[in-house]
Amino acid sequence: PEGAELPIVEVRRGAFGVHGTGDTSG
């Protein structure tokens, strides 16, 4: 609908959104 805001449930970092460890995907 016009003016609707899309609810953000996560900000994904890296290829898989891994948290707490290094990113192994490049």
PDB file of all heavy atoms in Angstrom:
ATOM      1  N   PRO A   1       0.831  -1.208   0.000  1.00  0.00           N
ATOM      2  CA  PRO A   1       0.000   0.000   0.000  1.00  0.00           C
ATOM      3  C   PRO A   1       0.862   1.254   0.000  1.00  0.00           C
ATOM      4  O   PRO A   1       1.950   1.276   0.576  1.00  0.00           O
ATOM      5  CB  PRO A   1      -0.800  -0.130   1.310  1.00  0.00           C
ATOM      6  CG  PRO A   1      -0.735  -1.582   1.662  1.00  0.00           C
ATOM      7  CD  PRO A   1       0.574  -2.073   1.150  1.00  0.00           C
ATOM      8  N   GLU A   2       0.393   2.305  -0.633  1.00  0.00           N
ATOM      9  CA  GLU A   2       1.148   3.554  -0.715  1.00  0.00           C
ATOM     10  C   GLU A   2       1.409   4.101   0.683  1.00  0.00           C
ATOM     11  O   GLU A   2       0.511   4.199   1.519  1.00  0.00           O
ATOM     12  CB  GLU A   2       0.364   4.579  -1.543  1.00  0.00           C
ATOM     13  CG  GLU A   2       1.120   5.866  -1.784  1.00  0.00           C
ATOM     14  CD  GLU A   2       0.344   6.815  -2.672  1.00  0.00           C
ATOM     15  OE1 GLU A   2      -0.724   6.396  -3.184  1.00  0.00           O
ATOM     16  OE2 GLU A   2       0.802   7.960  -2.838  1.00  0.00           O
ATOM     17  N   GLY A   3       2.649   4.446   0.956  1.00  0.00           N
ATOM     18  CA  GLY A   3       3.031   4.997   2.248  1.00  0.00           C
ATOM     19  C   GLY A   3       3.330   3.964   3.316  1.00  0.00           C
ATOM     20  O   GLY A   3       3.706   4.323   4.425  1.00  0.00           O
ATOM     21  N   ALA A   4       3.166   2.688   3.005  1.00  0.00           N
ATOM     22  CA  ALA A   4       3.412   1.647   4.012  1.00  0.00           C
ATOM     23  C   ALA A   4       4.904   1.501   4.274  1.00  0.00           C
ATOM     24  O   ALA A   4       5.724   1.628   3.363  1.00  0.00           O
ATOM     25  CB  ALA A   4       2.833   0.312   3.548  1.00  0.00           C
ATOM     26  N   GLU A   5       5.263   1.246   5.524  1.00  0.00           N
ATOM     27  CA  GLU A   5       6.648   1.013   5.893  1.00  0.00           C
ATOM     28  C   GLU A   5       6.899  -0.488   5.983  1.00  0.00           C
ATOM     29  O   GLU A   5       6.105  -1.220   6.576  1.00  0.00           O
ATOM     30  CB  GLU A   5       6.964   1.677   7.239  1.00  0.00           C
ATOM     31  CG  GLU A   5       6.890   3.202   7.203  1.00  0.00           C
ATOM     32  CD  GLU A   5       7.327   3.823   8.508  1.00  0.00           C
ATOM     33  OE1 GLU A   5       7.726   3.052   9.423  1.00  0.00           O
ATOM     34  OE2 GLU A   5       7.261   5.059   8.627  1.00  0.00           O
ATOM     35  N   LEU A   6       8.004  -0.912   5.399  1.00  0.00           N
ATOM     36  CA  LEU A   6       8.349  -2.329   5.443  1.00  0.00           C
ATOM     37  C   LEU A   6       9.051  -2.621   6.764  1.00  0.00           C
ATOM     38  O   LEU A   6      10.067  -1.998   7.092  1.00  0.00           O
ATOM     39  CB  LEU A   6       9.263  -2.692   4.269  1.00  0.00           C
ATOM     40  CG  LEU A   6       8.648  -2.537   2.880  1.00  0.00           C
ATOM     41  CD1 LEU A   6       9.689  -2.831   1.812  1.00  0.00           C
ATOM     42  CD2 LEU A   6       7.458  -3.457   2.713  1.00  0.00           C
ATOM     43  N   PRO A   7       8.534  -3.561   7.553  1.00  0.00           N
ATOM     44  CA  PRO A   7       9.146  -3.868   8.851  1.00  0.00           C
ATOM     45  C   PRO A   7      10.464  -4.614   8.671  1.00  0.00           C
ATOM     46  O   PRO A   7      10.521  -5.661   8.036  1.00  0.00           O
ATOM     47  CB  PRO A   7       8.098  -4.748   9.553  1.00  0.00           C
ATOM     48  CG  PRO A   7       7.307  -5.346   8.427  1.00  0.00           C
ATOM     49  CD  PRO A   7       7.319  -4.351   7.316  1.00  0.00           C
ATOM     50  N   ILE A   8      11.550  -4.050   9.217  1.00  0.00           N
ATOM     51  CA  ILE A   8      12.868  -4.683   9.148  1.00  0.00           C
ATOM     52  C   ILE A   8      13.018  -5.609  10.346  1.00  0.00           C
ATOM     53  O   ILE A   8      12.892  -5.187  11.497  1.00  0.00           O
ATOM     54  CB  ILE A   8      13.984  -3.629   9.146  1.00  0.00           C
ATOM     55  CG1 ILE A   8      13.855  -2.732   7.912  1.00  0.00           C
ATOM     56  CG2 ILE A   8      15.355  -4.287   9.182  1.00  0.00           C
ATOM     57  CD1 ILE A   8      14.853  -1.591   7.871  1.00  0.00           C
ATOM     58  N   VAL A   9      13.248  -6.895  10.097  1.00  0.00           N
ATOM     59  CA  VAL A   9      13.387  -7.862  11.188  1.00  0.00           C
ATOM     60  C   VAL A   9      14.837  -8.257  11.428  1.00  0.00           C
ATOM     61  O   VAL A   9      15.149  -8.875  12.436  1.00  0.00           O
ATOM     62  CB  VAL A   9      12.547  -9.136  10.920  1.00  0.00           C
ATOM     63  CG1 VAL A   9      11.072  -8.810  10.918  1.00  0.00           C
ATOM     64  CG2 VAL A   9      12.946  -9.792   9.606  1.00  0.00           C
ATOM     65  N   GLU A  10      15.713  -7.882  10.495  1.00  0.00           N
ATOM     66  CA  GLU A  10      17.119  -8.227  10.675  1.00  0.00           C
ATOM     67  C   GLU A  10      17.944  -7.418   9.683  1.00  0.00           C
ATOM     68  O   GLU A  10      17.485  -7.100   8.580  1.00  0.00           O
ATOM     69  CB  GLU A  10      17.340  -9.728  10.425  1.00  0.00           C
ATOM     70  CG  GLU A  10      18.780 -10.190  10.595  1.00  0.00           C
ATOM     71  CD  GLU A  10      18.953 -11.667  10.281  1.00  0.00           C
ATOM     72  OE1 GLU A  10      17.940 -12.396  10.246  1.00  0.00           O
ATOM     73  OE2 GLU A  10      20.103 -12.093  10.055  1.00  0.00           O
ATOM     74  N   VAL A  11      19.167  -7.064  10.078  1.00  0.00           N
ATOM     75  CA  VAL A  11      20.147  -6.525   9.152  1.00  0.00           C
ATOM     76  C   VAL A  11      21.213  -7.594   8.986  1.00  0.00           C
ATOM     77  O   VAL A  11      21.932  -7.911   9.931  1.00  0.00           O
ATOM     78  CB  VAL A  11      20.756  -5.204   9.658  1.00  0.00           C
ATOM     79  CG1 VAL A  11      21.842  -4.725   8.696  1.00  0.00           C
ATOM     80  CG2 VAL A  11      19.678  -4.138   9.806  1.00  0.00           C
ATOM     81  N   ARG A  12      21.267  -8.169   7.812  1.00  0.00           N
ATOM     82  CA  ARG A  12      22.131  -9.325   7.573  1.00  0.00           C
ATOM     83  C   ARG A  12      23.485  -8.857   7.046  1.00  0.00           C
ATOM     84  O   ARG A  12      23.574  -8.093   6.088  1.00  0.00           O
ATOM     85  CB  ARG A  12      21.483 -10.277   6.574  1.00  0.00           C
ATOM     86  CG  ARG A  12      22.283 -11.533   6.297  1.00  0.00           C
ATOM     87  CD  ARG A  12      21.440 -12.536   5.538  1.00  0.00           C
ATOM     88  NE  ARG A  12      20.358 -13.040   6.365  1.00  0.00           N
ATOM     89  CZ  ARG A  12      19.359 -13.796   5.905  1.00  0.00           C
ATOM     90  NH1 ARG A  12      19.306 -14.106   4.625  1.00  0.00           N
ATOM     91  NH2 ARG A  12      18.416 -14.233   6.713  1.00  0.00           N
ATOM     92  N   ARG A  13      24.543  -9.324   7.689  1.00  0.00           N
ATOM     93  CA  ARG A  13      25.906  -9.008   7.287  1.00  0.00           C
ATOM     94  C   ARG A  13      26.597 -10.272   6.805  1.00  0.00           C
ATOM     95  O   ARG A  13      26.505 -11.311   7.448  1.00  0.00           O
ATOM     96  CB  ARG A  13      26.676  -8.378   8.442  1.00  0.00           C
ATOM     97  CG  ARG A  13      26.170  -6.977   8.788  1.00  0.00           C
ATOM     98  CD  ARG A  13      26.819  -6.401  10.031  1.00  0.00           C
ATOM     99  NE  ARG A  13      26.516  -4.985  10.171  1.00  0.00           N
ATOM    100  CZ  ARG A  13      25.382  -4.510  10.662  1.00  0.00           C
ATOM    101  NH1 ARG A  13      24.436  -5.348  11.060  1.00  0.00           N
ATOM    102  NH2 ARG A  13      25.174  -3.213  10.729  1.00  0.00           N
ATOM    103  N   GLY A  14      27.298 -10.151   5.683  1.00  0.00           N
ATOM    104  CA  GLY A  14      27.927 -11.322   5.090  1.00  0.00           C
ATOM    105  C   GLY A  14      26.924 -12.124   4.290  1.00  0.00           C
ATOM    106  O   GLY A  14      25.746 -11.759   4.161  1.00  0.00           O
ATOM    107  N   ALA A  15      27.363 -13.237   3.742  1.00  0.00           N
ATOM    108  CA  ALA A  15      26.494 -14.045   2.888  1.00  0.00           C
ATOM    109  C   ALA A  15      25.408 -14.755   3.667  1.00  0.00           C
ATOM    110  O   ALA A  15      24.326 -15.005   3.147  1.00  0.00           O
ATOM    111  CB  ALA A  15      27.338 -15.063   2.118  1.00  0.00           C
ATOM    112  N   PHE A  16      25.673 -15.066   4.952  1.00  0.00           N
ATOM    113  CA  PHE A  16      24.730 -15.906   5.699  1.00  0.00           C
ATOM    114  C   PHE A  16      24.237 -15.269   6.985  1.00  0.00           C
ATOM    115  O   PHE A  16      23.483 -15.882   7.718  1.00  0.00           O
ATOM    116  CB  PHE A  16      25.391 -17.257   6.025  1.00  0.00           C
ATOM    117  CG  PHE A  16      25.980 -17.943   4.825  1.00  0.00           C
ATOM    118  CD1 PHE A  16      27.347 -18.069   4.681  1.00  0.00           C
ATOM    119  CD2 PHE A  16      25.155 -18.437   3.824  1.00  0.00           C
ATOM    120  CE1 PHE A  16      27.887 -18.686   3.556  1.00  0.00           C
ATOM    121  CE2 PHE A  16      25.692 -19.053   2.703  1.00  0.00           C
ATOM    122  CZ  PHE A  16      27.060 -19.174   2.564  1.00  0.00           C
ATOM    123  N   GLY A  17      24.671 -14.061   7.284  1.00  0.00           N
ATOM    124  CA  GLY A  17      24.200 -13.393   8.491  1.00  0.00           C
ATOM    125  C   GLY A  17      24.723 -14.003   9.770  1.00  0.00           C
ATOM    126  O   GLY A  17      24.053 -13.985  10.796  1.00  0.00           O
ATOM    127  N   VAL A  18      25.940 -14.544   9.735  1.00  0.00           N
ATOM    128  CA  VAL A  18      26.521 -15.186  10.914  1.00  0.00           C
ATOM    129  C   VAL A  18      26.905 -14.135  11.940  1.00  0.00           C
ATOM    130  O   VAL A  18      27.435 -13.077  11.601  1.00  0.00           O
ATOM    131  CB  VAL A  18      27.760 -16.023  10.508  1.00  0.00           C
ATOM    132  CG1 VAL A  18      28.451 -16.592  11.730  1.00  0.00           C
ATOM    133  CG2 VAL A  18      27.343 -17.125   9.557  1.00  0.00           C
ATOM    134  N   HIS A  19      26.625 -14.410  13.206  1.00  0.00           N
ATOM    135  CA  HIS A  19      26.958 -13.503  14.298  1.00  0.00           C
ATOM    136  C   HIS A  19      27.943 -14.166  15.244  1.00  0.00           C
ATOM    137  O   HIS A  19      27.878 -15.369  15.489  1.00  0.00           O
ATOM    138  CB  HIS A  19      25.696 -13.115  15.087  1.00  0.00           C
ATOM    139  CG  HIS A  19      24.636 -12.460  14.253  1.00  0.00           C
ATOM    140  ND1 HIS A  19      24.684 -11.144  13.876  1.00  0.00           N
ATOM    141  CD2 HIS A  19      23.500 -12.965  13.705  1.00  0.00           C
ATOM    142  CE1 HIS A  19      23.619 -10.857  13.148  1.00  0.00           C
ATOM    143  NE2 HIS A  19      22.886 -11.947  13.025  1.00  0.00           N
ATOM    144  N   GLY A  20      28.870 -13.381  15.778  1.00  0.00           N
ATOM    145  CA  GLY A  20      29.735 -13.871  16.847  1.00  0.00           C
ATOM    146  C   GLY A  20      30.993 -14.583  16.387  1.00  0.00           C
ATOM    147  O   GLY A  20      31.831 -14.929  17.209  1.00  0.00           O
ATOM    148  N   THR A  21      31.143 -14.824  15.101  1.00  0.00           N
ATOM    149  CA  THR A  21      32.352 -15.461  14.591  1.00  0.00           C
ATOM    150  C   THR A  21      32.771 -14.750  13.313  1.00  0.00           C
ATOM    151  O   THR A  21      32.044 -13.921  12.766  1.00  0.00           O
ATOM    152  CB  THR A  21      32.119 -16.954  14.267  1.00  0.00           C
ATOM    153  OG1 THR A  21      31.173 -17.053  13.194  1.00  0.00           O
ATOM    154  CG2 THR A  21      31.591 -17.715  15.464  1.00  0.00           C
ATOM    155  N   GLY A  22      33.945 -15.083  12.811  1.00  0.00           N
ATOM    156  CA  GLY A  22      34.400 -14.501  11.571  1.00  0.00           C
ATOM    157  C   GLY A  22      33.577 -14.971  10.390  1.00  0.00           C
ATOM    158  O   GLY A  22      33.005 -16.062  10.410  1.00  0.00           O
ATOM    159  N   ASP A  23      33.525 -14.141   9.362  1.00  0.00           N
ATOM    160  CA  ASP A  23      32.792 -14.504   8.159  1.00  0.00           C
ATOM    161  C   ASP A  23      33.706 -15.311   7.240  1.00  0.00           C
ATOM    162  O   ASP A  23      34.758 -14.832   6.825  1.00  0.00           O
ATOM    163  CB  ASP A  23      32.298 -13.246   7.445  1.00  0.00           C
ATOM    164  CG  ASP A  23      31.451 -13.583   6.221  1.00  0.00           C
ATOM    165  OD1 ASP A  23      32.030 -13.713   5.135  1.00  0.00           O
ATOM    166  OD2 ASP A  23      30.234 -13.746   6.374  1.00  0.00           O
ATOM    167  N   THR A  24      33.305 -16.535   6.924  1.00  0.00           N
ATOM    168  CA  THR A  24      34.140 -17.421   6.110  1.00  0.00           C
ATOM    169  C   THR A  24      33.714 -17.442   4.650  1.00  0.00           C
ATOM    170  O   THR A  24      34.247 -18.210   3.865  1.00  0.00           O
ATOM    171  CB  THR A  24      34.092 -18.861   6.657  1.00  0.00           C
ATOM    172  OG1 THR A  24      32.754 -19.343   6.600  1.00  0.00           O
ATOM    173  CG2 THR A  24      34.590 -18.920   8.084  1.00  0.00           C
ATOM    174  N   SER A  25      32.747 -16.604   4.285  1.00  0.00           N
ATOM    175  CA  SER A  25      32.207 -16.656   2.931  1.00  0.00           C
ATOM    176  C   SER A  25      32.949 -15.757   1.953  1.00  0.00           C
ATOM    177  O   SER A  25      32.823 -15.910   0.740  1.00  0.00           O
ATOM    178  CB  SER A  25      30.725 -16.254   2.946  1.00  0.00           C
ATOM    179  OG  SER A  25      30.599 -14.871   3.259  1.00  0.00           O
ATOM    180  N   GLY A  26      33.705 -14.788   2.473  1.00  0.00           N
ATOM    181  CA  GLY A  26      34.349 -13.815   1.608  1.00  0.00           C
ATOM    182  C   GLY A  26      33.472 -12.622   1.289  1.00  0.00           C
ATOM    183  O   GLY A  26      33.861 -11.746   0.525  1.00  0.00           O
TER     184      GLY A  26
END
